[in-house]
Amino acid sequence: MKTDPSNPSRREFLATTTKAGLTVGLLGTAFSDLLAQPHQQVVGTGFTQTPLPYAYTGLEPHIDARTMEIHYSKHAAAYASNLRDAAKEEGVDTTQPLEQVLGSISKYSAKMRNNGGGHYNHELFWSILGTASEAGPEGALLKSLKTSFGSYEAFVGQFETAAKTRFGSGWAWLLVDASGKLVVSSTPNQDNPLMDIAEVKGTPILGLDVWEHAYYLHYQNRRPDYVTAFWKVVNWKAVADRFAAATT
């Protein structure tokens, strides 16, 4: 019987969770410092790919299985591999969260910036996606969206504009800024708001990949259709968890 490569075996699962537990144990004071800063990402990201929490088919029809397979196993895998190479070349301690490197990315090479950003962005992206649902944000997150943008609908409009008008390749973001306010921004290539070179800085809690490889097989040049479909597969519980962590 064939198995879906996006679903880890028991052995892979145990290895991954063991490694995650070890990483948390090694973070120590540095991770505590991150927790004390609302403008920093508090979900520690490692230097290896996390198994997808759903099958490649799990986001259909909004994101097709073939796109997911290529995106995860080729594009994102390459970023993770190249990041580890860069970390080795530049003497980066990979037991520390990747967020620490991104926060001072101007001190590192273009290889580290591109692949560190690429890996982090994709790890966040996979985590805030889920099976098709009509559910939307609620609770503290919804309240903050209304406070920051006037209404949920106004937020969606601003986010979609950021995603649709990002020239070339890049990302659209919902982030928590240093004051705890929700803000929409976009970044080129594989940059993100954690980077010290970002125009708008903060902790990303929702991100949308608008590189063509994320949607072209299914949507061709119709990026706006892909952006609109994105809301059908947002895992708002995961976004709310990131929001809570960033504002606690």
C-alpha atoms as a PDB file:
ATOM      1  CA  MET A   1       0.000   0.000   0.000  1.00  0.00           C
ATOM      2  CA  LYS A   2       1.365   3.422  -0.907  1.00  0.00           C
ATOM      3  CA  THR A   3       1.652   6.047   1.781  1.00  0.00           C
ATOM      4  CA  ASP A   4       1.295   9.795   1.409  1.00  0.00           C
ATOM      5  CA  PRO A   5       4.782  11.307   1.837  1.00  0.00           C
ATOM      6  CA  SER A   6       3.247  14.305   3.612  1.00  0.00           C
ATOM      7  CA  ASN A   7       2.107  12.082   6.509  1.00  0.00           C
ATOM      8  CA  PRO A   8       5.037  11.035   8.741  1.00  0.00           C
ATOM      9  CA  SER A   9       5.525   7.465   9.873  1.00  0.00           C
ATOM     10  CA  ARG A  10       5.489   6.694  13.587  1.00  0.00           C
ATOM     11  CA  ARG A  11       9.282   6.620  13.592  1.00  0.00           C
ATOM     12  CA  GLU A  12       9.502  10.008  11.859  1.00  0.00           C
ATOM     13  CA  PHE A  13       6.898  11.438  14.228  1.00  0.00           C
ATOM     14  CA  LEU A  14       8.808  10.285  17.303  1.00  0.00           C
ATOM     15  CA  ALA A  15      12.069  11.622  15.914  1.00  0.00           C
ATOM     16  CA  THR A  16      10.485  14.970  15.160  1.00  0.00           C
ATOM     17  CA  THR A  17       8.800  15.366  18.551  1.00  0.00           C
ATOM     18  CA  THR A  18      11.925  14.235  20.400  1.00  0.00           C
ATOM     19  CA  LYS A  19      13.993  16.786  18.509  1.00  0.00           C
ATOM     20  CA  ALA A  20      11.439  19.488  19.228  1.00  0.00           C
ATOM     21  CA  GLY A  21      11.518  18.692  22.942  1.00  0.00           C
ATOM     22  CA  LEU A  22      15.310  18.770  22.966  1.00  0.00           C
ATOM     23  CA  THR A  23      15.329  22.117  21.164  1.00  0.00           C
ATOM     24  CA  VAL A  24      12.953  23.656  23.705  1.00  0.00           C
ATOM     25  CA  GLY A  25      15.167  22.378  26.477  1.00  0.00           C
ATOM     26  CA  LEU A  26      18.229  23.995  24.916  1.00  0.00           C
ATOM     27  CA  LEU A  27      16.681  27.399  24.269  1.00  0.00           C
ATOM     28  CA  GLY A  28      16.921  28.504  27.913  1.00  0.00           C
ATOM     29  CA  THR A  29      17.179  32.210  28.616  1.00  0.00           C
ATOM     30  CA  ALA A  30      17.256  33.186  24.942  1.00  0.00           C
ATOM     31  CA  PHE A  31      13.774  31.779  24.432  1.00  0.00           C
ATOM     32  CA  SER A  32      12.552  33.477  27.612  1.00  0.00           C
ATOM     33  CA  ASP A  33      13.789  36.754  26.151  1.00  0.00           C
ATOM     34  CA  LEU A  34      11.706  36.119  23.033  1.00  0.00           C
ATOM     35  CA  LEU A  35       8.625  35.491  25.147  1.00  0.00           C
ATOM     36  CA  ALA A  36       9.101  38.852  26.840  1.00  0.00           C
ATOM     37  CA  GLN A  37       9.057  40.752  23.531  1.00  0.00           C
ATOM     38  CA  PRO A  38       5.619  40.973  21.831  1.00  0.00           C
ATOM     39  CA  HIS A  39       7.189  42.112  18.553  1.00  0.00           C
ATOM     40  CA  GLN A  40       9.260  38.928  18.278  1.00  0.00           C
ATOM     41  CA  GLN A  41       7.976  35.582  16.992  1.00  0.00           C
ATOM     42  CA  VAL A  42       7.554  33.336  20.028  1.00  0.00           C
ATOM     43  CA  VAL A  43       6.925  30.067  18.207  1.00  0.00           C
ATOM     44  CA  GLY A  44      10.467  28.731  17.927  1.00  0.00           C
ATOM     45  CA  THR A  45      11.243  27.566  14.382  1.00  0.00           C
ATOM     46  CA  GLY A  46      13.920  24.952  13.804  1.00  0.00           C
ATOM     47  CA  PHE A  47      16.249  24.463  10.852  1.00  0.00           C
ATOM     48  CA  THR A  48      14.547  21.356   9.410  1.00  0.00           C
ATOM     49  CA  GLN A  49      11.190  20.824   7.710  1.00  0.00           C
ATOM     50  CA  THR A  50       8.181  19.948   9.835  1.00  0.00           C
ATOM     51  CA  PRO A  51       5.935  17.232   8.338  1.00  0.00           C
ATOM     52  CA  LEU A  52       2.738  18.609   6.844  1.00  0.00           C
ATOM     53  CA  PRO A  53      -0.240  18.258   9.210  1.00  0.00           C
ATOM     54  CA  TYR A  54      -2.476  17.231   6.282  1.00  0.00           C
ATOM     55  CA  ALA A  55      -2.201  15.232   3.067  1.00  0.00           C
ATOM     56  CA  TYR A  56      -1.265  16.903  -0.218  1.00  0.00           C
ATOM     57  CA  THR A  57      -4.935  16.522  -1.154  1.00  0.00           C
ATOM     58  CA  GLY A  58      -6.090  18.109   2.096  1.00  0.00           C
ATOM     59  CA  LEU A  59      -6.542  21.639   0.738  1.00  0.00           C
ATOM     60  CA  GLU A  60      -8.348  20.764  -2.490  1.00  0.00           C
ATOM     61  CA  PRO A  61     -10.021  22.185  -4.474  1.00  0.00           C
ATOM     62  CA  HIS A  62      -8.607  25.532  -3.359  1.00  0.00           C
ATOM     63  CA  ILE A  63      -4.951  24.446  -3.459  1.00  0.00           C
ATOM     64  CA  ASP A  64      -4.412  21.377  -5.603  1.00  0.00           C
ATOM     65  CA  ALA A  65      -2.462  18.301  -4.540  1.00  0.00           C
ATOM     66  CA  ARG A  66       0.172  18.539  -7.285  1.00  0.00           C
ATOM     67  CA  THR A  67       1.000  22.125  -6.343  1.00  0.00           C
ATOM     68  CA  MET A  68       1.235  21.147  -2.672  1.00  0.00           C
ATOM     69  CA  GLU A  69       3.520  18.216  -3.427  1.00  0.00           C
ATOM     70  CA  ILE A  70       5.929  20.260  -5.544  1.00  0.00           C
ATOM     71  CA  HIS A  71       5.761  23.254  -3.231  1.00  0.00           C
ATOM     72  CA  TYR A  72       6.510  21.265  -0.071  1.00  0.00           C
ATOM     73  CA  SER A  73       8.838  18.532  -1.314  1.00  0.00           C
ATOM     74  CA  LYS A  74      10.835  20.606  -3.832  1.00  0.00           C
ATOM     75  CA  HIS A  75      10.715  24.364  -3.176  1.00  0.00           C
ATOM     76  CA  ALA A  76      10.404  24.363   0.617  1.00  0.00           C
ATOM     77  CA  ALA A  77      12.721  21.377   1.002  1.00  0.00           C
ATOM     78  CA  ALA A  78      15.409  23.219  -0.956  1.00  0.00           C
ATOM     79  CA  TYR A  79      15.149  26.242   1.344  1.00  0.00           C
ATOM     80  CA  ALA A  80      15.547  24.018   4.413  1.00  0.00           C
ATOM     81  CA  SER A  81      18.565  22.219   2.943  1.00  0.00           C
ATOM     82  CA  ASN A  82      20.258  25.422   1.793  1.00  0.00           C
ATOM     83  CA  LEU A  83      19.578  27.033   5.170  1.00  0.00           C
ATOM     84  CA  ARG A  84      21.416  24.252   6.975  1.00  0.00           C
ATOM     85  CA  ASP A  85      24.330  24.668   4.574  1.00  0.00           C
ATOM     86  CA  ALA A  86      24.413  28.413   5.239  1.00  0.00           C
ATOM     87  CA  ALA A  87      24.220  27.872   8.994  1.00  0.00           C
ATOM     88  CA  LYS A  88      27.191  25.510   8.847  1.00  0.00           C
ATOM     89  CA  GLU A  89      29.186  27.906   6.672  1.00  0.00           C
ATOM     90  CA  GLU A  90      28.468  30.884   8.922  1.00  0.00           C
ATOM     91  CA  GLY A  91      28.782  29.175  12.286  1.00  0.00           C
ATOM     92  CA  VAL A  92      25.142  29.535  13.331  1.00  0.00           C
ATOM     93  CA  ASP A  93      23.995  27.564  16.374  1.00  0.00           C
ATOM     94  CA  THR A  94      21.076  25.542  15.014  1.00  0.00           C
ATOM     95  CA  THR A  95      19.846  24.626  18.504  1.00  0.00           C
ATOM     96  CA  GLN A  96      18.656  28.225  18.794  1.00  0.00           C
ATOM     97  CA  PRO A  97      15.387  29.324  17.116  1.00  0.00           C
ATOM     98  CA  LEU A  98      15.691  30.570  13.556  1.00  0.00           C
ATOM     99  CA  GLU A  99      13.878  33.740  14.665  1.00  0.00           C
ATOM    100  CA  GLN A 100      17.081  34.904  16.365  1.00  0.00           C
ATOM    101  CA  VAL A 101      18.967  34.806  13.074  1.00  0.00           C
ATOM    102  CA  LEU A 102      16.180  36.560  11.175  1.00  0.00           C
ATOM    103  CA  GLY A 103      16.084  39.364  13.740  1.00  0.00           C
ATOM    104  CA  SER A 104      19.649  40.307  12.814  1.00  0.00           C
ATOM    105  CA  ILE A 105      19.666  39.070   9.221  1.00  0.00           C
ATOM    106  CA  SER A 106      21.573  42.137   7.990  1.00  0.00           C
ATOM    107  CA  LYS A 107      24.690  40.617   9.611  1.00  0.00           C
ATOM    108  CA  TYR A 108      24.461  37.486   7.470  1.00  0.00           C
ATOM    109  CA  SER A 109      24.917  36.517   3.833  1.00  0.00           C
ATOM    110  CA  ALA A 110      22.346  36.723   1.051  1.00  0.00           C
ATOM    111  CA  LYS A 111      22.257  32.913   1.156  1.00  0.00           C
ATOM    112  CA  MET A 112      21.201  32.994   4.799  1.00  0.00           C
ATOM    113  CA  ARG A 113      18.651  35.753   4.182  1.00  0.00           C
ATOM    114  CA  ASN A 114      17.013  34.049   1.207  1.00  0.00           C
ATOM    115  CA  ASN A 115      16.962  30.536   2.599  1.00  0.00           C
ATOM    116  CA  GLY A 116      16.357  31.447   6.238  1.00  0.00           C
ATOM    117  CA  GLY A 117      13.419  33.553   5.157  1.00  0.00           C
ATOM    118  CA  GLY A 118      12.232  30.929   2.708  1.00  0.00           C
ATOM    119  CA  HIS A 119      12.280  28.207   5.343  1.00  0.00           C
ATOM    120  CA  TYR A 120      10.618  30.280   8.059  1.00  0.00           C
ATOM    121  CA  ASN A 121       7.939  31.637   5.725  1.00  0.00           C
ATOM    122  CA  HIS A 122       6.960  28.201   4.480  1.00  0.00           C
ATOM    123  CA  GLU A 123       6.932  26.650   7.947  1.00  0.00           C
ATOM    124  CA  LEU A 124       4.503  29.367   9.045  1.00  0.00           C
ATOM    125  CA  PHE A 125       2.454  29.001   5.851  1.00  0.00           C
ATOM    126  CA  TRP A 126       1.910  25.249   6.268  1.00  0.00           C
ATOM    127  CA  SER A 127       0.934  25.734   9.905  1.00  0.00           C
ATOM    128  CA  ILE A 128      -1.848  28.254   9.276  1.00  0.00           C
ATOM    129  CA  LEU A 129      -3.520  26.221   6.519  1.00  0.00           C
ATOM    130  CA  GLY A 130      -6.140  23.541   7.062  1.00  0.00           C
ATOM    131  CA  THR A 131      -8.946  21.623   5.400  1.00  0.00           C
ATOM    132  CA  ALA A 132     -11.654  23.695   3.713  1.00  0.00           C
ATOM    133  CA  SER A 133     -13.900  25.410   6.228  1.00  0.00           C
ATOM    134  CA  GLU A 134     -16.333  28.288   6.427  1.00  0.00           C
ATOM    135  CA  ALA A 135     -15.181  29.113   9.973  1.00  0.00           C
ATOM    136  CA  GLY A 136     -13.619  32.511  10.545  1.00  0.00           C
ATOM    137  CA  PRO A 137     -11.684  34.189  13.350  1.00  0.00           C
ATOM    138  CA  GLU A 138     -13.333  34.588  16.716  1.00  0.00           C
ATOM    139  CA  GLY A 139     -12.631  35.632  20.280  1.00  0.00           C
ATOM    140  CA  ALA A 140      -9.679  37.900  21.065  1.00  0.00           C
ATOM    141  CA  LEU A 141      -8.326  37.679  17.530  1.00  0.00           C
ATOM    142  CA  LEU A 142     -11.575  38.832  15.945  1.00  0.00           C
ATOM    143  CA  LYS A 143     -11.882  41.641  18.478  1.00  0.00           C
ATOM    144  CA  SER A 144      -8.349  42.820  17.670  1.00  0.00           C
ATOM    145  CA  LEU A 145      -9.024  42.655  13.918  1.00  0.00           C
ATOM    146  CA  LYS A 146     -12.051  44.894  14.397  1.00  0.00           C
ATOM    147  CA  THR A 147     -10.099  47.285  16.610  1.00  0.00           C
ATOM    148  CA  SER A 148      -7.152  47.477  14.209  1.00  0.00           C
ATOM    149  CA  PHE A 149      -9.019  47.620  10.884  1.00  0.00           C
ATOM    150  CA  GLY A 150     -12.575  48.672  11.717  1.00  0.00           C
ATOM    151  CA  SER A 151     -14.080  45.332  10.685  1.00  0.00           C
ATOM    152  CA  TYR A 152     -13.106  41.845   9.621  1.00  0.00           C
ATOM    153  CA  GLU A 153     -14.180  42.685   6.064  1.00  0.00           C
ATOM    154  CA  ALA A 154     -11.914  45.738   6.030  1.00  0.00           C
ATOM    155  CA  PHE A 155      -8.994  43.569   7.135  1.00  0.00           C
ATOM    156  CA  VAL A 156      -9.686  41.049   4.354  1.00  0.00           C
ATOM    157  CA  GLY A 157      -9.784  43.850   1.785  1.00  0.00           C
ATOM    158  CA  GLN A 158      -6.485  45.324   2.973  1.00  0.00           C
ATOM    159  CA  PHE A 159      -4.785  41.928   3.105  1.00  0.00           C
ATOM    160  CA  GLU A 160      -6.007  40.967  -0.364  1.00  0.00           C
ATOM    161  CA  THR A 161      -4.765  44.270  -1.772  1.00  0.00           C
ATOM    162  CA  ALA A 162      -1.327  43.643  -0.255  1.00  0.00           C
ATOM    163  CA  ALA A 163      -1.234  40.143  -1.765  1.00  0.00           C
ATOM    164  CA  LYS A 164      -2.571  41.097  -5.192  1.00  0.00           C
ATOM    165  CA  THR A 165      -0.389  44.175  -5.643  1.00  0.00           C
ATOM    166  CA  ARG A 166       2.915  42.738  -4.420  1.00  0.00           C
ATOM    167  CA  PHE A 167       5.016  43.132  -7.573  1.00  0.00           C
ATOM    168  CA  GLY A 168       6.772  39.953  -8.652  1.00  0.00           C
ATOM    169  CA  SER A 169       7.395  37.340  -5.973  1.00  0.00           C
ATOM    170  CA  GLY A 170       6.775  37.794  -2.277  1.00  0.00           C
ATOM    171  CA  TRP A 171       4.401  37.449   0.657  1.00  0.00           C
ATOM    172  CA  ALA A 172       1.451  39.197   2.283  1.00  0.00           C
ATOM    173  CA  TRP A 173       1.359  39.293   6.083  1.00  0.00           C
ATOM    174  CA  LEU A 174      -0.842  39.898   9.089  1.00  0.00           C
ATOM    175  CA  LEU A 175       1.485  40.750  11.954  1.00  0.00           C
ATOM    176  CA  VAL A 176       1.539  42.020  15.506  1.00  0.00           C
ATOM    177  CA  ASP A 177       3.665  45.147  15.786  1.00  0.00           C
ATOM    178  CA  ALA A 178       5.680  46.304  18.796  1.00  0.00           C
ATOM    179  CA  SER A 179       2.636  48.040  20.296  1.00  0.00           C
ATOM    180  CA  GLY A 180       0.506  44.902  20.055  1.00  0.00           C
ATOM    181  CA  LYS A 181      -1.570  46.221  17.144  1.00  0.00           C
ATOM    182  CA  LEU A 182      -2.432  44.073  14.119  1.00  0.00           C
ATOM    183  CA  VAL A 183      -0.953  45.369  10.873  1.00  0.00           C
ATOM    184  CA  VAL A 184      -0.980  44.210   7.237  1.00  0.00           C
ATOM    185  CA  SER A 185       2.179  44.362   5.144  1.00  0.00           C
ATOM    186  CA  SER A 186       3.919  42.643   2.259  1.00  0.00           C
ATOM    187  CA  THR A 187       7.543  41.761   1.598  1.00  0.00           C
ATOM    188  CA  PRO A 188       9.533  40.905  -1.541  1.00  0.00           C
ATOM    189  CA  ASN A 189      11.070  37.520  -2.281  1.00  0.00           C
ATOM    190  CA  GLN A 190      11.507  35.522   0.965  1.00  0.00           C
ATOM    191  CA  ASP A 191      11.796  38.467   3.345  1.00  0.00           C
ATOM    192  CA  ASN A 192       9.456  38.719   6.338  1.00  0.00           C
ATOM    193  CA  PRO A 193       8.546  41.171   9.122  1.00  0.00           C
ATOM    194  CA  LEU A 194      10.900  39.524  11.644  1.00  0.00           C
ATOM    195  CA  MET A 195      13.923  40.719   9.687  1.00  0.00           C
ATOM    196  CA  ASP A 196      15.766  43.833  10.815  1.00  0.00           C
ATOM    197  CA  ILE A 197      15.733  45.005   7.195  1.00  0.00           C
ATOM    198  CA  ALA A 198      11.919  44.825   6.881  1.00  0.00           C
ATOM    199  CA  GLU A 199      10.004  48.037   6.178  1.00  0.00           C
ATOM    200  CA  VAL A 200       7.261  46.973   8.608  1.00  0.00           C
ATOM    201  CA  LYS A 201       8.522  44.948  11.558  1.00  0.00           C
ATOM    202  CA  GLY A 202       6.619  42.635  13.863  1.00  0.00           C
ATOM    203  CA  THR A 203       5.554  39.069  14.585  1.00  0.00           C
ATOM    204  CA  PRO A 204       3.806  37.384  11.618  1.00  0.00           C
ATOM    205  CA  ILE A 205       0.709  35.397  12.560  1.00  0.00           C
ATOM    206  CA  LEU A 206      -0.710  34.870   9.042  1.00  0.00           C
ATOM    207  CA  GLY A 207       1.145  34.759   5.748  1.00  0.00           C
ATOM    208  CA  LEU A 208       0.251  34.152   2.108  1.00  0.00           C
ATOM    209  CA  ASP A 209       2.823  32.997  -0.439  1.00  0.00           C
ATOM    210  CA  VAL A 210       2.300  34.852  -3.728  1.00  0.00           C
ATOM    211  CA  TRP A 211       5.241  33.373  -5.598  1.00  0.00           C
ATOM    212  CA  GLU A 212       3.929  31.884  -8.849  1.00  0.00           C
ATOM    213  CA  HIS A 213       4.991  28.375  -7.853  1.00  0.00           C
ATOM    214  CA  ALA A 214       2.393  28.544  -5.050  1.00  0.00           C
ATOM    215  CA  TYR A 215      -0.554  28.791  -7.430  1.00  0.00           C
ATOM    216  CA  TYR A 216       0.364  28.714 -11.134  1.00  0.00           C
ATOM    217  CA  LEU A 217      -0.497  25.080 -11.925  1.00  0.00           C
ATOM    218  CA  HIS A 218      -4.103  25.632 -10.847  1.00  0.00           C
ATOM    219  CA  TYR A 219      -4.705  29.364 -11.269  1.00  0.00           C
ATOM    220  CA  GLN A 220      -2.194  30.257 -14.003  1.00  0.00           C
ATOM    221  CA  ASN A 221      -1.918  34.069 -14.076  1.00  0.00           C
ATOM    222  CA  ARG A 222      -5.045  34.593 -11.963  1.00  0.00           C
ATOM    223  CA  ARG A 223      -3.367  35.527  -8.690  1.00  0.00           C
ATOM    224  CA  PRO A 224      -6.496  37.359  -7.437  1.00  0.00           C
ATOM    225  CA  ASP A 225      -8.494  34.115  -7.660  1.00  0.00           C
ATOM    226  CA  TYR A 226      -5.846  32.315  -5.608  1.00  0.00           C
ATOM    227  CA  VAL A 227      -5.832  35.105  -3.021  1.00  0.00           C
ATOM    228  CA  THR A 228      -9.628  34.940  -2.683  1.00  0.00           C
ATOM    229  CA  ALA A 229      -9.569  31.135  -2.382  1.00  0.00           C
ATOM    230  CA  PHE A 230      -6.975  31.352   0.384  1.00  0.00           C
ATOM    231  CA  TRP A 231      -9.615  32.245   2.989  1.00  0.00           C
ATOM    232  CA  LYS A 232     -11.289  28.866   2.440  1.00  0.00           C
ATOM    233  CA  VAL A 233      -8.257  27.035   3.852  1.00  0.00           C
ATOM    234  CA  VAL A 234      -7.073  29.300   6.659  1.00  0.00           C
ATOM    235  CA  ASN A 235      -6.808  27.486   9.990  1.00  0.00           C
ATOM    236  CA  TRP A 236      -8.007  30.315  12.228  1.00  0.00           C
ATOM    237  CA  LYS A 237      -7.328  28.313  15.387  1.00  0.00           C
ATOM    238  CA  ALA A 238      -3.626  28.179  14.462  1.00  0.00           C
ATOM    239  CA  VAL A 239      -3.630  31.906  13.680  1.00  0.00           C
ATOM    240  CA  ALA A 240      -5.336  32.642  17.008  1.00  0.00           C
ATOM    241  CA  ASP A 241      -2.704  30.574  18.830  1.00  0.00           C
ATOM    242  CA  ARG A 242       0.063  32.610  17.192  1.00  0.00           C
ATOM    243  CA  PHE A 243      -1.765  35.813  18.055  1.00  0.00           C
ATOM    244  CA  ALA A 244      -2.104  34.780  21.696  1.00  0.00           C
ATOM    245  CA  ALA A 245       1.578  33.850  21.910  1.00  0.00           C
ATOM    246  CA  ALA A 246       2.645  37.147  20.341  1.00  0.00           C
ATOM    247  CA  THR A 247       0.514  39.273  22.664  1.00  0.00           C
ATOM    248  CA  THR A 248       0.937  37.452  25.971  1.00  0.00           C
END
